[in-house]
Structures are given as C-alpha cells and as structure tokens.
Amino acid sequence: MRLVMRLANILLIGMAVGAVSAAPGRADPAAGQAAFDGNGCADCHYTEGPARELTIADQLAKKGPELWYAGSKFQAPWLEQWLQDPKPIRSLKYNSLTEDNPGDHPSLGEGDAAAVAEFLMTLTSDVVEAGVIKPKRNPKGRLVFTKKMPCSGCHQFPTKKKFSGGRTGPSLVGASERLNPDWIYAYLSQTAMFKPVRMMPVFTGLLSDKDMQAVSAYVANFK
C-alpha cells in the first residue's frame, strides 16, 4: 500500500510539473522560431551568426538589422512590447542617409510577439560578458559621448530639451529599457565582431577601456 501511495504521489508531482511547464503565457523558443519564419521576419533579418557582411555591397543588400545576437543586445520586456507596437528606432530608413524611416515595420499579435521574443532572447554571443556595466550618470562618459568622439553627431540621445544629436545612426533615446548595458560595452570594444562593415568607427585604439566602460554606463542610463 505504501509503495502504491508513493508511486501515486510521484505521478501527481510529475503531472503538476508538466502543467507548470505547459502553462499558458510561457512562450516556447521553437514556437517562436516558427512564428518568426511564418510572419516573414527571416525575409529581412538573419538569426545565425557570425556576421555575414564582408563588403559594403553585402551591407546594402540587407533589408534589416542582423539578429543573431539579439538575446545579448536587447532587454526581453522591451523586445516583446516593441514587436507588438514597433516604433522607429532609426530616424532614417535602414541603409539610407537621406530617406526618412517610413515606420512601416509589421506588428505581431500578443501571442506571436511573446513567442518570437522568447526565441530571439536565446540568440546570444559569448563575447558579451555579464555584469560588467552598471548604468549611471557618468560625467566622463558624457564628455566622451558629446565631445571627444563625438557619438552625438550620429545618435539622438535624451536631454533637458527632450533630445539632441544626429540622425544617421540608431536613436539611443530609451536605451536604458531597450539595450543590455553589457552589450553596449562589448559592441564598443569589439565592434568588428558584430559589425564588420559599418559607418561607426572602431574605438579600440581611440578610446581606453575605461573610457568605453564610462560611455557604456552613460548610454545605458538614457531614458
């Protein structure tokens, strides 16, 4: 009798665990990849690394940003919400220096957005080391960002007057919610790993490692 009761308890525990893992609201990366492909996302974004671009022609042939390191770059809550209500991150159309961004990125329903976000967050790069950068208002980072390089020539960023900066690069307004702070630093320090063909300069040799960490902390603080 005790053996029967013990087996029954094990069976009940197993059923409970199965119910939790299959509970609604928990996205499945495999389902997310299917939703990614089914919604045509793969027509514009590639998800297998490393970077494929070798020439300017390769870059210009792309219809949208690469996503093979999306899980290291983005914050999951932001990504899921953005997929449901995509707002332009770039002022200009992708791969253009003259055309305004039409803001016509397709949106996904809540279920597909959750699943696709779950899938994209599994796409990571081991170059991004966790726990290196802590977002903060950093005077040194601000000096490098606005004066020494200046990054503000290409990227919009928040100021007391709402925002300032250039339009040729992605906006950094809202970076504190959108970007993983450690990815910002990895991108600055190992740019060629993520973007072998780019307009953005390679900062290694131009900035010290401390300067790159300071800029990363400063950008990661942007509201």
Protein backbone atom coordinates (compact mmCIF):
# COMPACT_ATOMS: atom_id res chain seq x y z
CA MET A 1 0.00 0.00 0.00
CA ARG A 2 2.80 2.43 0.89
CA LEU A 3 4.50 1.69 -2.41
CA VAL A 4 1.26 2.37 -4.30
CA MET A 5 0.77 5.67 -2.45
CA ARG A 6 4.38 6.68 -3.10
CA LEU A 7 4.02 5.97 -6.82
CA ALA A 8 0.76 7.91 -6.88
CA ASN A 9 2.46 10.92 -5.25
CA ILE A 10 5.31 10.79 -7.77
CA LEU A 11 2.76 10.67 -10.59
CA LEU A 12 0.87 13.66 -9.18
CA ILE A 13 4.09 15.66 -8.80
CA GLY A 14 5.03 14.83 -12.37
CA MET A 15 1.64 15.94 -13.62
CA ALA A 16 1.94 19.20 -11.68
CA VAL A 17 5.39 19.93 -13.11
CA GLY A 18 4.09 19.19 -16.60
CA ALA A 19 1.17 21.53 -16.05
CA VAL A 20 3.51 24.34 -14.98
CA SER A 21 5.82 23.89 -17.95
CA ALA A 22 2.84 23.89 -20.32
CA ALA A 23 1.07 26.76 -18.55
CA PRO A 24 -0.30 29.45 -20.85
CA GLY A 25 1.82 32.58 -21.05
CA ARG A 26 5.12 30.66 -21.14
CA ALA A 27 6.48 31.03 -24.65
CA ASP A 28 8.35 28.23 -26.40
CA PRO A 29 11.51 29.19 -28.35
CA ALA A 30 10.72 26.57 -31.01
CA ALA A 31 7.24 28.02 -31.42
CA GLY A 32 8.86 31.44 -31.53
CA GLN A 33 11.16 30.45 -34.35
CA ALA A 34 8.17 29.06 -36.24
CA ALA A 35 6.32 32.34 -35.68
CA PHE A 36 9.44 34.28 -36.74
CA ASP A 37 9.61 32.37 -40.02
CA GLY A 38 5.84 32.26 -40.50
CA ASN A 39 5.49 36.03 -40.19
CA GLY A 40 8.23 36.63 -42.76
CA CYS A 41 10.72 38.09 -40.28
CA ALA A 42 13.50 35.99 -41.83
CA ASP A 43 12.99 37.85 -45.13
CA CYS A 44 14.70 40.90 -43.60
CA HIS A 45 16.65 39.63 -40.57
CA TYR A 46 19.11 36.78 -40.30
CA THR A 47 19.48 34.94 -37.00
CA GLU A 48 22.52 32.69 -37.44
CA GLY A 49 25.95 34.11 -36.67
CA PRO A 50 28.62 35.10 -37.07
CA ALA A 51 28.25 38.26 -39.13
CA ARG A 52 27.89 37.61 -42.86
CA GLU A 53 28.72 41.05 -44.27
CA LEU A 54 32.15 41.28 -45.90
CA THR A 55 31.67 44.25 -48.21
CA ILE A 56 29.62 47.44 -48.46
CA ALA A 57 27.53 45.69 -51.13
CA ASP A 58 26.72 42.96 -48.61
CA GLN A 59 25.57 45.54 -46.10
CA LEU A 60 23.46 47.44 -48.62
CA ALA A 61 21.78 44.21 -49.71
CA LYS A 62 20.37 43.69 -46.22
CA LYS A 63 16.76 44.73 -45.61
CA GLY A 64 17.04 44.93 -41.83
CA PRO A 65 19.48 44.52 -38.93
CA GLU A 66 21.02 41.17 -38.10
CA LEU A 67 19.54 39.43 -35.05
CA TRP A 68 22.00 36.61 -34.36
CA TYR A 69 22.99 38.25 -31.06
CA ALA A 70 19.56 39.69 -30.19
CA GLY A 71 19.43 37.98 -26.79
CA SER A 72 22.68 39.67 -25.78
CA LYS A 73 21.61 43.05 -27.15
CA PHE A 74 18.01 43.60 -26.09
CA GLN A 75 16.06 43.51 -22.87
CA ALA A 76 13.25 40.95 -23.10
CA PRO A 77 10.31 43.07 -21.80
CA TRP A 78 11.12 45.88 -24.23
CA LEU A 79 11.52 43.46 -27.13
CA GLU A 80 8.17 41.78 -26.55
CA GLN A 81 6.35 45.11 -26.33
CA TRP A 82 8.15 46.54 -29.36
CA LEU A 83 7.16 43.58 -31.53
CA GLN A 84 3.52 44.33 -30.74
CA ASP A 85 3.85 48.08 -31.31
CA PRO A 86 7.02 48.80 -33.32
CA LYS A 87 8.16 52.41 -33.16
CA PRO A 88 11.06 53.55 -35.38
CA ILE A 89 14.46 53.33 -33.70
CA ARG A 90 16.17 54.95 -36.63
CA SER A 91 15.18 58.39 -37.91
CA LEU A 92 16.29 57.36 -41.38
CA LYS A 93 15.35 54.33 -43.42
CA TYR A 94 17.63 51.34 -42.92
CA ASN A 95 20.78 51.66 -45.07
CA SER A 96 19.85 55.20 -46.16
CA LEU A 97 21.40 58.56 -45.34
CA THR A 98 18.63 60.62 -46.95
CA GLU A 99 15.23 58.88 -46.72
CA ASP A 100 13.10 59.18 -43.60
CA ASN A 101 12.10 55.98 -41.85
CA PRO A 102 8.53 55.22 -43.01
CA GLY A 103 7.74 53.48 -39.71
CA ASP A 104 6.11 50.57 -41.50
CA HIS A 105 7.61 47.64 -39.59
CA PRO A 106 4.92 44.94 -39.24
CA SER A 107 3.47 44.32 -35.78
CA LEU A 108 2.78 40.96 -34.19
CA GLY A 109 -0.11 39.83 -32.04
CA GLU A 110 0.47 39.32 -28.34
CA GLY A 111 1.00 35.56 -28.60
CA ASP A 112 3.36 35.69 -31.56
CA ALA A 113 5.26 38.62 -30.03
CA ALA A 114 5.85 36.68 -26.80
CA ALA A 115 6.97 33.59 -28.70
CA VAL A 116 9.26 35.48 -31.10
CA ALA A 117 10.78 37.47 -28.25
CA GLU A 118 11.46 34.21 -26.37
CA PHE A 119 13.16 32.80 -29.46
CA LEU A 120 15.25 35.91 -30.09
CA MET A 121 16.41 36.04 -26.49
CA THR A 122 18.02 32.61 -26.99
CA LEU A 123 20.32 34.11 -29.65
CA THR A 124 23.35 35.23 -27.70
CA SER A 125 27.04 35.97 -28.18
CA ASP A 126 29.66 34.71 -25.77
CA VAL A 127 31.59 37.92 -26.40
CA VAL A 128 29.12 39.74 -24.12
CA GLU A 129 30.23 39.28 -20.52
CA ALA A 130 27.50 39.76 -17.93
CA GLY A 131 27.77 42.15 -15.01
CA VAL A 132 30.48 44.46 -16.36
CA ILE A 133 28.47 47.67 -16.84
CA LYS A 134 26.19 49.36 -14.32
CA PRO A 135 24.02 52.16 -15.79
CA LYS A 136 24.71 55.55 -14.19
CA ARG A 137 25.07 59.23 -14.93
CA ASN A 138 28.72 59.33 -15.79
CA PRO A 139 30.42 62.71 -16.35
CA LYS A 140 33.39 61.08 -18.05
CA GLY A 141 31.11 59.05 -20.30
CA ARG A 142 29.12 62.17 -21.14
CA LEU A 143 32.31 64.04 -22.08
CA VAL A 144 33.43 61.27 -24.41
CA PHE A 145 29.95 60.86 -25.90
CA THR A 146 29.30 64.53 -26.60
CA LYS A 147 32.79 65.99 -27.09
CA LYS A 148 35.69 63.61 -27.52
CA MET A 149 34.36 61.37 -30.34
CA PRO A 150 31.52 62.70 -30.58
CA CYS A 151 28.88 59.96 -30.67
CA SER A 152 26.16 62.61 -30.53
CA GLY A 153 26.92 63.51 -34.14
CA CYS A 154 25.15 60.34 -35.31
CA HIS A 155 22.89 59.26 -32.44
CA GLN A 156 19.95 61.01 -30.83
CA PHE A 157 20.01 61.00 -27.03
CA PRO A 158 17.82 62.46 -24.26
CA THR A 159 18.49 65.97 -22.95
CA LYS A 160 16.63 68.59 -20.95
CA LYS A 161 15.21 69.80 -24.28
CA LYS A 162 13.70 66.33 -24.97
CA PHE A 163 16.50 65.02 -27.20
CA SER A 164 19.50 66.09 -29.29
CA GLY A 165 22.00 64.53 -31.66
CA GLY A 166 22.31 63.25 -35.20
CA ARG A 167 20.04 61.10 -37.34
CA THR A 168 22.37 58.77 -39.25
CA GLY A 169 22.63 56.15 -36.50
CA PRO A 170 20.02 54.42 -34.36
CA SER A 171 18.46 56.61 -31.69
CA LEU A 172 19.71 55.95 -28.16
CA VAL A 173 16.67 57.52 -26.54
CA GLY A 174 15.24 54.85 -24.25
CA ALA A 175 18.46 52.81 -24.25
CA SER A 176 18.01 52.06 -20.54
CA GLU A 177 14.94 49.97 -21.36
CA ARG A 178 16.00 48.66 -24.75
CA LEU A 179 19.66 47.68 -24.55
CA ASN A 180 21.65 45.33 -22.37
CA PRO A 181 24.37 47.53 -20.75
CA ASP A 182 26.99 44.80 -21.17
CA TRP A 183 26.20 44.55 -24.88
CA ILE A 184 26.86 48.28 -25.30
CA TYR A 185 30.36 47.83 -23.91
CA ALA A 186 31.02 44.67 -25.94
CA TYR A 187 29.85 46.46 -29.09
CA LEU A 188 32.17 49.41 -28.45
CA SER A 189 35.19 47.30 -27.55
CA GLN A 190 34.73 44.56 -30.19
CA THR A 191 32.79 46.34 -32.92
CA ALA A 192 34.13 44.24 -35.80
CA MET A 193 32.75 41.08 -34.18
CA PHE A 194 29.21 42.41 -34.51
CA LYS A 195 29.55 44.83 -37.44
CA PRO A 196 32.44 44.05 -39.80
CA VAL A 197 31.05 46.58 -42.32
CA ARG A 198 29.90 49.83 -40.73
CA MET A 199 29.97 53.61 -40.64
CA MET A 200 30.65 53.58 -36.90
CA PRO A 201 34.37 53.85 -36.05
CA VAL A 202 36.38 51.16 -34.28
CA PHE A 203 37.07 52.62 -30.85
CA THR A 204 39.85 50.25 -29.80
CA GLY A 205 42.99 52.36 -30.01
CA LEU A 206 40.97 55.59 -29.96
CA LEU A 207 39.48 55.14 -26.51
CA SER A 208 40.84 53.44 -23.43
CA ASP A 209 38.94 50.52 -21.96
CA LYS A 210 37.90 52.75 -19.04
CA ASP A 211 36.55 55.35 -21.46
CA MET A 212 34.50 52.70 -23.28
CA GLN A 213 33.11 51.45 -19.99
CA ALA A 214 32.24 55.02 -18.97
CA VAL A 215 30.42 55.67 -22.26
CA SER A 216 28.57 52.37 -21.93
CA ALA A 217 27.39 53.23 -18.41
CA TYR A 218 26.32 56.69 -19.60
CA VAL A 219 24.36 55.38 -22.61
CA ALA A 220 22.77 52.61 -20.55
CA ASN A 221 21.30 55.33 -18.33
CA PHE A 222 19.40 57.06 -21.17
CA LYS A 223 15.66 57.35 -20.57
